[in-house]
Amino acid sequence: MLYYLFQYLESIDFPGAGLMNYLTFRSGVALLLSLFIATVIGRRIIDRLQLMQVGEIVRDLGLEGQMSKKGTPTMGGIIIIISILVPCLLVARLDNVYMILMLVSTVWLGTLGFIDDYIKVHNHDKDGLKGKFKIVGQVGLGLIVGLTMYLSPDIVMRENIETRVADHEIVVSHKTEDIKAAQTTIPFVKNNNFDYASLTQWLGDNAETGGWILFILVTIFVVTAVSNGANLTDGLDGLATGTSAIIGVALAIMCYLGGNVIYSSYLNIMYIPESSELVVFAAAFIGATVGFLWYNSFPAQVFMGDTGSLTLGGLIAVFAILIRKELLIPIMCAIFLVEDLSVMLQVAYFKYTKKKTGTGRRIFKMTPLHHHFQVQGNSGVDALIQRPIRAVPESKIVMRFCIVAIFLAALTFVTLKIR
């Protein structure tokens, strides 16, 4: 809204109105505004949640300090959502299809998570919204994002091409025309543009349509997997928030590089016109998560609940898809995916051993994976992996996971040059 106001002021030669034309200025405003909302206004929301007695329901899993979290205000994801939406509505270009998709995704996922938290708190049902309904909501969003990218004429790309001008010198440039293609970035290969249509060549003339169908299916899977992964990661104070903020920084940088024809040429990656507007959203995302971390770090004064965790994971997934970096998610969001896998492996192995021997065994002492480190080794839990023997303090687990997240973010950038 402010963007369009400043556009008008610039038309009448109002001094300083042209600042809003600069992406870096608007991103900085979005970052500062989201930080302000999350820290200052967020405090009032937390007080309101306490008055409404919206407290966390805690199951006694025998973990140190776990029961002290009982009654801590939950549904704090509302703070994150407001801190993202308000700055974007004020300083972003609302006619940009990429920004529209991110705003729709924020409201969609926030509503889904809010319903889940509402059932937990007001119905005193720890399970909340049934899993199948969550999946339907996530699949629905993936379908909306995938179909919009397929059908919208504003979502295009320009392929990067290499030209050898000397024996050991290669110049990278981009084709002059925008194309509509189901292409993405793939790591560790020389020509890192991967076309989904290459997997559907057997369809003949319909190969391109088949590629888009495959792309939409991948979009649905990525949104569902990352959203649920962030939800499972949200088990320790500041864990999901801290790792999401780090991933947000990585996405912001990749978005800026891919939306700038000069930098994308240097990195030899595809150029995506108009996608750079998402840097404003990423700035608001970073500010919201860092601001929320002010209250969510150990010992937490508020939990984000599914209102926040489902939203954070889903937004990371949609953002990566829009800038054509979804195949980098297994590296960049490895923590979320490992948390997902730890639960699936644990359940599958327990069922298998119970069927074979009559007594179920575990791979980890407890899942999701972050809880494994909180349990004392050789404490009576029949698990294949007993290390670490000593239980690790919660704050140290969170810090170590964040360090790993920083390493993974750096590794993601390295993959763009290692070919």
Protein backbone atom coordinates (compact mmCIF):
# COMPACT_ATOMS: atom_id res chain seq x y z
CA MET A 1 0.00 0.00 0.00
CA LEU A 2 2.80 2.39 0.91
CA TYR A 3 4.53 1.34 -2.31
CA TYR A 4 1.65 2.68 -4.39
CA LEU A 5 1.37 5.81 -2.25
CA PHE A 6 5.04 6.55 -2.87
CA GLN A 7 4.53 5.90 -6.58
CA TYR A 8 1.93 8.65 -6.59
CA LEU A 9 4.15 10.97 -4.56
CA GLU A 10 6.98 10.38 -7.00
CA SER A 11 4.70 11.36 -9.89
CA ILE A 12 4.23 14.76 -8.27
CA ASP A 13 7.97 15.09 -7.58
CA PHE A 14 7.73 14.62 -3.82
CA PRO A 15 11.31 14.52 -2.40
CA GLY A 16 12.52 11.04 -1.44
CA ALA A 17 9.50 9.21 -2.87
CA GLY A 18 11.73 7.36 -5.34
CA LEU A 19 13.27 5.30 -2.54
CA MET A 20 10.40 2.84 -2.79
CA ASN A 21 11.60 1.89 -6.26
CA TYR A 22 14.69 0.28 -4.74
CA LEU A 23 14.25 -3.35 -3.79
CA THR A 24 16.96 -3.18 -1.13
CA PHE A 25 15.24 -0.21 0.58
CA ARG A 26 11.86 -1.91 0.65
CA SER A 27 13.42 -5.15 1.90
CA GLY A 28 15.16 -3.27 4.70
CA VAL A 29 11.89 -1.59 5.69
CA ALA A 30 10.13 -4.97 5.66
CA LEU A 31 12.84 -6.49 7.86
CA LEU A 32 12.75 -3.69 10.43
CA LEU A 33 8.97 -3.51 10.47
CA SER A 34 8.56 -7.26 10.95
CA LEU A 35 11.12 -7.20 13.78
CA PHE A 36 9.22 -4.35 15.44
CA ILE A 37 5.87 -6.11 15.16
CA ALA A 38 7.21 -9.44 16.42
CA THR A 39 9.00 -7.97 19.44
CA VAL A 40 6.82 -5.03 20.49
CA ILE A 41 3.32 -5.97 19.37
CA GLY A 42 4.15 -9.64 19.93
CA ARG A 43 4.47 -8.98 23.67
CA ARG A 44 0.87 -7.79 23.76
CA ILE A 45 -0.32 -10.85 21.86
CA ILE A 46 1.47 -13.11 24.35
CA ASP A 47 -0.20 -11.28 27.26
CA ARG A 48 -3.54 -11.72 25.54
CA LEU A 49 -2.95 -15.44 25.05
CA GLN A 50 -2.13 -15.75 28.76
CA LEU A 51 -5.36 -13.99 29.72
CA MET A 52 -7.29 -16.34 27.43
CA GLN A 53 -5.48 -19.28 29.10
CA VAL A 54 -4.32 -20.60 25.75
CA GLY A 55 -1.70 -22.90 27.29
CA GLU A 56 0.32 -25.76 25.88
CA ILE A 57 -0.90 -29.29 26.60
CA VAL A 58 2.16 -31.37 27.51
CA ARG A 59 2.48 -35.14 27.55
CA ASP A 60 4.86 -36.49 30.18
CA LEU A 61 7.61 -38.21 28.18
CA GLY A 62 10.05 -38.22 31.07
CA LEU A 63 12.28 -35.54 29.56
CA GLU A 64 14.12 -33.09 31.78
CA GLY A 65 12.25 -29.79 32.17
CA GLN A 66 9.40 -30.94 30.00
CA MET A 67 6.58 -30.52 32.49
CA SER A 68 7.73 -26.99 33.32
CA LYS A 69 6.51 -26.02 29.83
CA LYS A 70 2.92 -26.87 30.74
CA GLY A 71 0.67 -23.84 30.52
CA THR A 72 3.09 -21.79 28.39
CA PRO A 73 1.02 -19.79 25.87
CA THR A 74 0.77 -21.47 22.48
CA MET A 75 -0.63 -20.35 19.10
CA GLY A 76 2.18 -17.78 19.02
CA GLY A 77 2.46 -18.43 15.30
CA ILE A 78 -0.12 -15.65 15.01
CA ILE A 79 2.73 -13.24 15.82
CA ILE A 80 4.82 -14.63 12.96
CA ILE A 81 1.96 -14.47 10.48
CA ILE A 82 1.05 -10.87 11.34
CA SER A 83 4.72 -9.87 11.27
CA ILE A 84 5.00 -11.24 7.73
CA LEU A 85 1.71 -10.02 6.28
CA VAL A 86 1.73 -6.41 7.50
CA PRO A 87 5.16 -5.41 6.08
CA CYS A 88 4.45 -7.17 2.78
CA LEU A 89 1.07 -5.47 2.40
CA LEU A 90 2.70 -2.11 3.11
CA VAL A 91 5.89 -2.12 1.03
CA ALA A 92 5.61 -4.97 -1.51
CA ARG A 93 4.22 -4.81 -5.03
CA LEU A 94 0.84 -6.46 -4.69
CA ASP A 95 0.45 -6.89 -8.45
CA ASN A 96 3.37 -9.32 -8.51
CA VAL A 97 2.18 -12.92 -8.98
CA TYR A 98 5.02 -14.33 -6.88
CA MET A 99 4.13 -12.07 -3.95
CA ILE A 100 0.43 -12.91 -4.30
CA LEU A 101 1.20 -16.64 -4.11
CA MET A 102 3.30 -16.17 -0.97
CA LEU A 103 0.62 -14.09 0.74
CA VAL A 104 -2.06 -16.65 -0.15
CA SER A 105 0.20 -19.43 1.15
CA THR A 106 0.73 -17.56 4.43
CA VAL A 107 -3.00 -17.13 5.06
CA TRP A 108 -3.80 -20.68 3.88
CA LEU A 109 -1.23 -22.42 6.08
CA GLY A 110 -1.86 -20.09 9.01
CA THR A 111 -5.56 -20.94 8.92
CA LEU A 112 -4.81 -24.66 8.73
CA GLY A 113 -2.47 -24.47 11.72
CA PHE A 114 -4.83 -22.22 13.68
CA ILE A 115 -7.67 -24.74 13.32
CA ASP A 116 -5.35 -27.48 14.57
CA ASP A 117 -4.26 -25.44 17.61
CA TYR A 118 -7.82 -24.34 18.35
CA ILE A 119 -8.98 -27.96 18.55
CA LYS A 120 -6.05 -28.83 20.83
CA VAL A 121 -6.58 -25.94 23.23
CA HIS A 122 -10.34 -25.58 23.40
CA ASN A 123 -11.25 -29.25 23.04
CA HIS A 124 -8.29 -30.38 25.20
CA ASP A 125 -7.36 -32.79 22.41
CA LYS A 126 -3.59 -33.20 22.09
CA ASP A 127 -3.96 -34.73 18.61
CA GLY A 128 -5.77 -31.67 17.24
CA LEU A 129 -6.90 -31.69 13.64
CA LYS A 130 -6.87 -35.18 12.13
CA GLY A 131 -3.82 -35.89 10.02
CA LYS A 132 -5.82 -36.56 6.87
CA PHE A 133 -7.32 -33.07 6.98
CA LYS A 134 -3.87 -31.51 7.38
CA ILE A 135 -2.66 -33.46 4.36
CA VAL A 136 -5.69 -32.34 2.34
CA GLY A 137 -4.91 -28.72 3.21
CA GLN A 138 -1.23 -29.06 2.29
CA VAL A 139 -2.02 -30.92 -0.94
CA GLY A 140 -4.57 -28.23 -1.80
CA LEU A 141 -1.96 -25.49 -1.42
CA GLY A 142 0.56 -27.45 -3.49
CA LEU A 143 -2.05 -27.81 -6.20
CA ILE A 144 -2.80 -24.07 -6.17
CA VAL A 145 0.89 -23.15 -6.40
CA GLY A 146 1.67 -25.71 -9.11
CA LEU A 147 -1.32 -24.85 -11.29
CA THR A 148 -0.68 -21.12 -10.96
CA MET A 149 2.92 -21.57 -12.08
CA TYR A 150 1.68 -23.59 -15.04
CA LEU A 151 -1.17 -21.32 -16.09
CA SER A 152 0.06 -17.81 -15.24
CA PRO A 153 1.68 -15.98 -18.19
CA ASP A 154 3.69 -13.89 -15.70
CA ILE A 155 5.68 -16.85 -14.38
CA VAL A 156 8.47 -17.38 -16.88
CA MET A 157 12.22 -17.91 -16.96
CA ARG A 158 15.26 -17.37 -19.17
CA GLU A 159 17.70 -20.18 -19.76
CA ASN A 160 21.38 -19.66 -19.08
CA ILE A 161 23.72 -20.66 -21.89
CA GLU A 162 27.51 -21.12 -22.01
CA THR A 163 29.67 -19.83 -24.84
CA ARG A 164 33.33 -20.83 -25.10
CA VAL A 165 35.34 -17.81 -26.26
CA ALA A 166 38.81 -19.24 -25.62
CA ASP A 167 40.45 -22.52 -24.70
CA HIS A 168 39.77 -22.09 -20.99
CA GLU A 169 37.29 -19.21 -20.93
CA ILE A 170 33.53 -19.60 -20.88
CA VAL A 171 31.07 -16.72 -21.00
CA VAL A 172 27.61 -17.24 -19.51
CA SER A 173 24.63 -15.33 -20.86
CA HIS A 174 20.88 -15.68 -20.96
CA LYS A 175 18.52 -16.09 -23.88
CA THR A 176 16.67 -12.91 -24.73
CA GLU A 177 13.18 -14.42 -24.78
CA ASP A 178 11.16 -15.50 -21.77
CA ILE A 179 9.97 -19.09 -21.90
CA LYS A 180 7.32 -21.09 -20.08
CA ALA A 181 8.97 -24.30 -18.94
CA ALA A 182 8.87 -26.73 -16.04
CA GLN A 183 12.55 -26.29 -15.34
CA THR A 184 14.37 -26.16 -12.04
CA THR A 185 17.89 -26.05 -10.61
CA ILE A 186 19.62 -29.33 -9.87
CA PRO A 187 22.85 -29.50 -7.81
CA PHE A 188 26.21 -31.10 -8.62
CA VAL A 189 25.80 -31.22 -12.41
CA LYS A 190 27.47 -29.09 -15.10
CA ASN A 191 24.31 -27.89 -16.82
CA ASN A 192 22.22 -27.42 -13.71
CA ASN A 193 18.91 -26.71 -15.42
CA PHE A 194 16.69 -29.75 -15.15
CA ASP A 195 13.53 -29.95 -17.27
CA TYR A 196 10.80 -32.17 -15.87
CA ALA A 197 9.63 -32.70 -19.46
CA SER A 198 12.80 -34.72 -20.07
CA LEU A 199 11.22 -37.47 -17.96
CA THR A 200 8.03 -37.52 -20.03
CA GLN A 201 9.48 -37.72 -23.55
CA TRP A 202 7.58 -40.97 -24.03
CA LEU A 203 4.41 -38.84 -24.26
CA GLY A 204 5.59 -37.43 -27.58
CA ASP A 205 3.85 -34.13 -28.40
CA ASN A 206 2.41 -34.04 -24.87
CA ALA A 207 5.82 -34.26 -23.20
CA GLU A 208 5.75 -30.62 -22.07
CA THR A 209 2.30 -31.01 -20.51
CA GLY A 210 3.47 -34.20 -18.86
CA GLY A 211 6.46 -32.34 -17.47
CA TRP A 212 4.18 -29.75 -15.88
CA ILE A 213 1.99 -32.47 -14.38
CA LEU A 214 5.12 -34.04 -12.88
CA PHE A 215 6.20 -30.61 -11.61
CA ILE A 216 2.84 -30.10 -9.90
CA LEU A 217 3.12 -33.52 -8.22
CA VAL A 218 6.61 -32.62 -6.98
CA THR A 219 5.26 -29.30 -5.70
CA ILE A 220 2.55 -31.08 -3.71
CA PHE A 221 5.07 -33.50 -2.23
CA VAL A 222 7.58 -30.79 -1.31
CA VAL A 223 4.98 -28.55 0.36
CA THR A 224 3.60 -31.46 2.38
CA ALA A 225 6.98 -32.89 3.38
CA VAL A 226 8.64 -29.62 4.43
CA SER A 227 5.56 -28.32 6.23
CA ASN A 228 5.28 -31.51 8.27
CA GLY A 229 9.04 -31.57 8.81
CA ALA A 230 8.99 -28.10 10.36
CA ASN A 231 6.02 -29.17 12.48
CA LEU A 232 7.98 -32.14 13.87
CA THR A 233 11.07 -29.97 14.43
CA ASP A 234 9.06 -27.63 16.66
CA GLY A 235 9.69 -29.63 19.83
CA LEU A 236 12.38 -27.62 21.62
CA ASP A 237 12.50 -23.94 22.55
CA GLY A 238 13.69 -21.94 19.55
CA LEU A 239 14.57 -24.95 17.38
CA ALA A 240 12.08 -24.55 14.51
CA THR A 241 12.28 -20.75 14.72
CA GLY A 242 16.08 -20.59 14.61
CA THR A 243 16.54 -23.08 11.79
CA SER A 244 13.74 -21.42 9.77
CA ALA A 245 15.40 -18.01 10.12
CA ILE A 246 18.68 -19.43 8.79
CA ILE A 247 16.93 -21.09 5.85
CA GLY A 248 15.10 -17.82 5.21
CA VAL A 249 18.42 -15.97 4.84
CA ALA A 250 19.65 -18.58 2.35
CA LEU A 251 16.44 -18.32 0.32
CA ALA A 252 16.59 -14.52 0.31
CA ILE A 253 20.12 -14.55 -1.11
CA MET A 254 19.26 -17.16 -3.75
CA CYS A 255 16.14 -15.21 -4.72
CA TYR A 256 18.10 -11.98 -5.11
CA LEU A 257 20.76 -13.70 -7.22
CA GLY A 258 18.26 -15.54 -9.43
CA GLY A 259 16.18 -12.41 -9.95
CA ASN A 260 19.18 -10.37 -11.12
CA VAL A 261 20.39 -11.10 -14.64
CA ILE A 262 24.01 -10.10 -13.84
CA TYR A 263 24.40 -12.28 -10.74
CA SER A 264 22.53 -15.20 -12.29
CA SER A 265 24.95 -15.06 -15.22
CA TYR A 266 27.92 -15.11 -12.85
CA LEU A 267 26.56 -18.18 -11.03
CA ASN A 268 25.42 -19.75 -14.31
CA ILE A 269 21.85 -20.26 -13.07
CA MET A 270 18.53 -19.50 -14.69
CA TYR A 271 17.20 -15.95 -14.56
CA ILE A 272 13.63 -15.58 -13.29
CA PRO A 273 12.14 -12.18 -14.21
CA GLU A 274 10.14 -10.37 -11.50
CA SER A 275 10.97 -13.00 -8.87
CA SER A 276 13.27 -10.58 -7.05
CA GLU A 277 10.16 -9.04 -5.44
CA LEU A 278 10.17 -12.09 -3.18
CA VAL A 279 13.23 -10.66 -1.43
CA VAL A 280 10.79 -8.32 0.34
CA PHE A 281 8.80 -11.32 1.56
CA ALA A 282 11.97 -13.11 2.63
CA ALA A 283 13.06 -10.05 4.61
CA ALA A 284 9.73 -9.98 6.43
CA PHE A 285 10.03 -13.73 7.03
CA ILE A 286 13.50 -13.34 8.56
CA GLY A 287 12.42 -10.42 10.72
CA ALA A 288 9.34 -12.29 11.93
CA THR A 289 11.27 -15.42 12.91
CA VAL A 290 14.13 -13.55 14.58
CA GLY A 291 11.67 -11.31 16.42
CA PHE A 292 9.65 -14.31 17.56
CA LEU A 293 12.87 -15.96 18.73
CA TRP A 294 13.14 -13.11 21.27
CA TYR A 295 10.33 -14.80 23.22
CA ASN A 296 10.65 -18.36 21.94
CA SER A 297 14.30 -18.98 22.85
CA PHE A 298 15.06 -21.10 25.92
CA PRO A 299 13.23 -20.88 28.26
CA ALA A 300 10.32 -20.11 25.94
CA GLN A 301 7.70 -17.56 26.94
CA VAL A 302 5.48 -18.61 24.05
CA PHE A 303 5.22 -21.51 21.61
CA MET A 304 4.34 -21.05 17.96
CA GLY A 305 2.09 -24.12 17.86
CA ASP A 306 0.99 -25.59 14.55
CA THR A 307 -0.17 -22.09 13.60
CA GLY A 308 3.49 -21.22 13.21
CA SER A 309 5.29 -24.48 12.45
CA LEU A 310 3.03 -25.62 9.60
CA THR A 311 3.21 -22.11 8.17
CA LEU A 312 7.00 -21.76 8.37
CA GLY A 313 7.69 -25.10 6.70
CA GLY A 314 5.08 -24.55 4.00
CA LEU A 315 6.33 -21.04 3.21
CA ILE A 316 9.91 -22.28 2.89
CA ALA A 317 8.72 -24.96 0.46
CA VAL A 318 6.58 -22.62 -1.66
CA PHE A 319 9.34 -19.99 -1.76
CA ALA A 320 11.91 -22.55 -2.95
CA ILE A 321 9.50 -23.79 -5.61
CA LEU A 322 8.79 -20.29 -6.94
CA ILE A 323 12.50 -19.53 -7.38
CA ARG A 324 13.01 -22.99 -8.95
CA LYS A 325 15.23 -24.33 -6.15
CA GLU A 326 13.00 -27.11 -4.80
CA LEU A 327 15.57 -29.81 -5.62
CA LEU A 328 18.02 -28.05 -3.27
CA ILE A 329 15.62 -28.55 -0.34
CA PRO A 330 17.07 -31.97 0.66
CA ILE A 331 20.31 -30.11 1.44
CA MET A 332 19.01 -26.77 2.66
CA CYS A 333 16.17 -28.22 4.79
CA ALA A 334 17.93 -31.46 5.72
CA ILE A 335 17.10 -30.93 9.41
CA PHE A 336 13.36 -30.91 8.67
CA LEU A 337 13.64 -33.95 6.43
CA VAL A 338 15.77 -35.91 8.92
CA GLU A 339 13.18 -35.19 11.61
CA ASP A 340 10.53 -36.56 9.23
CA LEU A 341 12.58 -39.64 8.40
CA SER A 342 13.45 -40.37 12.03
CA VAL A 343 9.76 -40.73 12.87
CA MET A 344 8.97 -42.86 9.81
CA LEU A 345 11.95 -45.16 10.36
CA GLN A 346 11.17 -45.52 14.06
CA VAL A 347 7.57 -46.52 13.44
CA ALA A 348 8.43 -48.87 10.57
CA TYR A 349 11.22 -50.63 12.50
CA PHE A 350 9.10 -50.97 15.63
CA LYS A 351 6.26 -52.59 13.68
CA TYR A 352 8.67 -54.86 11.80
CA THR A 353 10.45 -56.13 14.92
CA LYS A 354 7.19 -56.57 16.80
CA LYS A 355 5.83 -58.69 13.97
CA LYS A 356 9.03 -60.77 13.78
CA THR A 357 9.85 -61.22 17.45
CA GLY A 358 6.72 -60.17 19.31
CA THR A 359 8.63 -57.30 20.95
CA GLY A 360 9.01 -53.99 19.20
CA ARG A 361 12.47 -52.41 19.09
CA ARG A 362 13.49 -48.86 18.29
CA ILE A 363 16.26 -47.32 16.23
CA PHE A 364 16.41 -44.10 18.27
CA LYS A 365 15.78 -43.65 21.97
CA MET A 366 12.94 -41.27 21.09
CA THR A 367 11.66 -39.44 18.04
CA PRO A 368 11.51 -36.87 16.49
CA LEU A 369 15.30 -36.95 16.39
CA HIS A 370 15.92 -33.95 18.66
CA HIS A 371 14.32 -35.85 21.57
CA HIS A 372 16.81 -38.71 21.05
CA PHE A 373 19.57 -36.48 22.44
CA GLN A 374 17.53 -35.63 25.54
CA VAL A 375 17.26 -39.24 26.74
CA GLN A 376 19.99 -40.80 28.87
CA GLY A 377 21.75 -43.67 27.07
CA ASN A 378 21.21 -47.20 28.45
CA SER A 379 18.23 -45.91 30.45
CA GLY A 380 16.11 -48.96 29.73
CA VAL A 381 15.02 -47.92 26.22
CA ASP A 382 15.59 -50.80 23.81
CA ALA A 383 17.10 -48.80 20.95
CA LEU A 384 19.79 -49.62 18.40
CA ILE A 385 21.45 -46.21 18.89
CA GLN A 386 22.23 -45.44 22.54
CA ARG A 387 24.67 -42.57 21.98
CA PRO A 388 25.02 -40.03 23.35
CA ILE A 389 25.17 -41.80 26.71
CA ARG A 390 24.63 -38.58 28.61
CA ALA A 391 21.50 -36.53 28.01
CA VAL A 392 22.27 -33.26 26.23
CA PRO A 393 20.72 -30.03 27.64
CA GLU A 394 17.91 -28.61 25.54
CA SER A 395 19.61 -25.27 24.84
CA LYS A 396 22.74 -27.04 23.58
CA ILE A 397 20.73 -29.26 21.23
CA VAL A 398 19.04 -26.20 19.74
CA MET A 399 22.35 -24.37 19.28
CA ARG A 400 23.98 -27.39 17.63
CA PHE A 401 21.05 -27.87 15.27
CA CYS A 402 21.30 -24.19 14.30
CA ILE A 403 25.02 -24.58 13.61
CA VAL A 404 24.22 -27.54 11.37
CA ALA A 405 21.56 -25.43 9.63
CA ILE A 406 24.17 -22.72 8.90
CA PHE A 407 26.51 -25.37 7.47
CA LEU A 408 23.72 -26.76 5.28
CA ALA A 409 22.80 -23.28 4.03
CA ALA A 410 26.42 -22.66 3.04
CA LEU A 411 26.62 -26.08 1.39
CA THR A 412 23.54 -25.27 -0.66
CA PHE A 413 25.34 -22.30 -2.23
CA VAL A 414 28.45 -24.38 -2.82
CA THR A 415 26.42 -26.85 -4.90
CA LEU A 416 25.68 -24.07 -7.39
CA LYS A 417 29.39 -23.84 -8.28
CA ILE A 418 30.54 -27.45 -7.78
CA ARG A 419 29.69 -29.21 -11.04
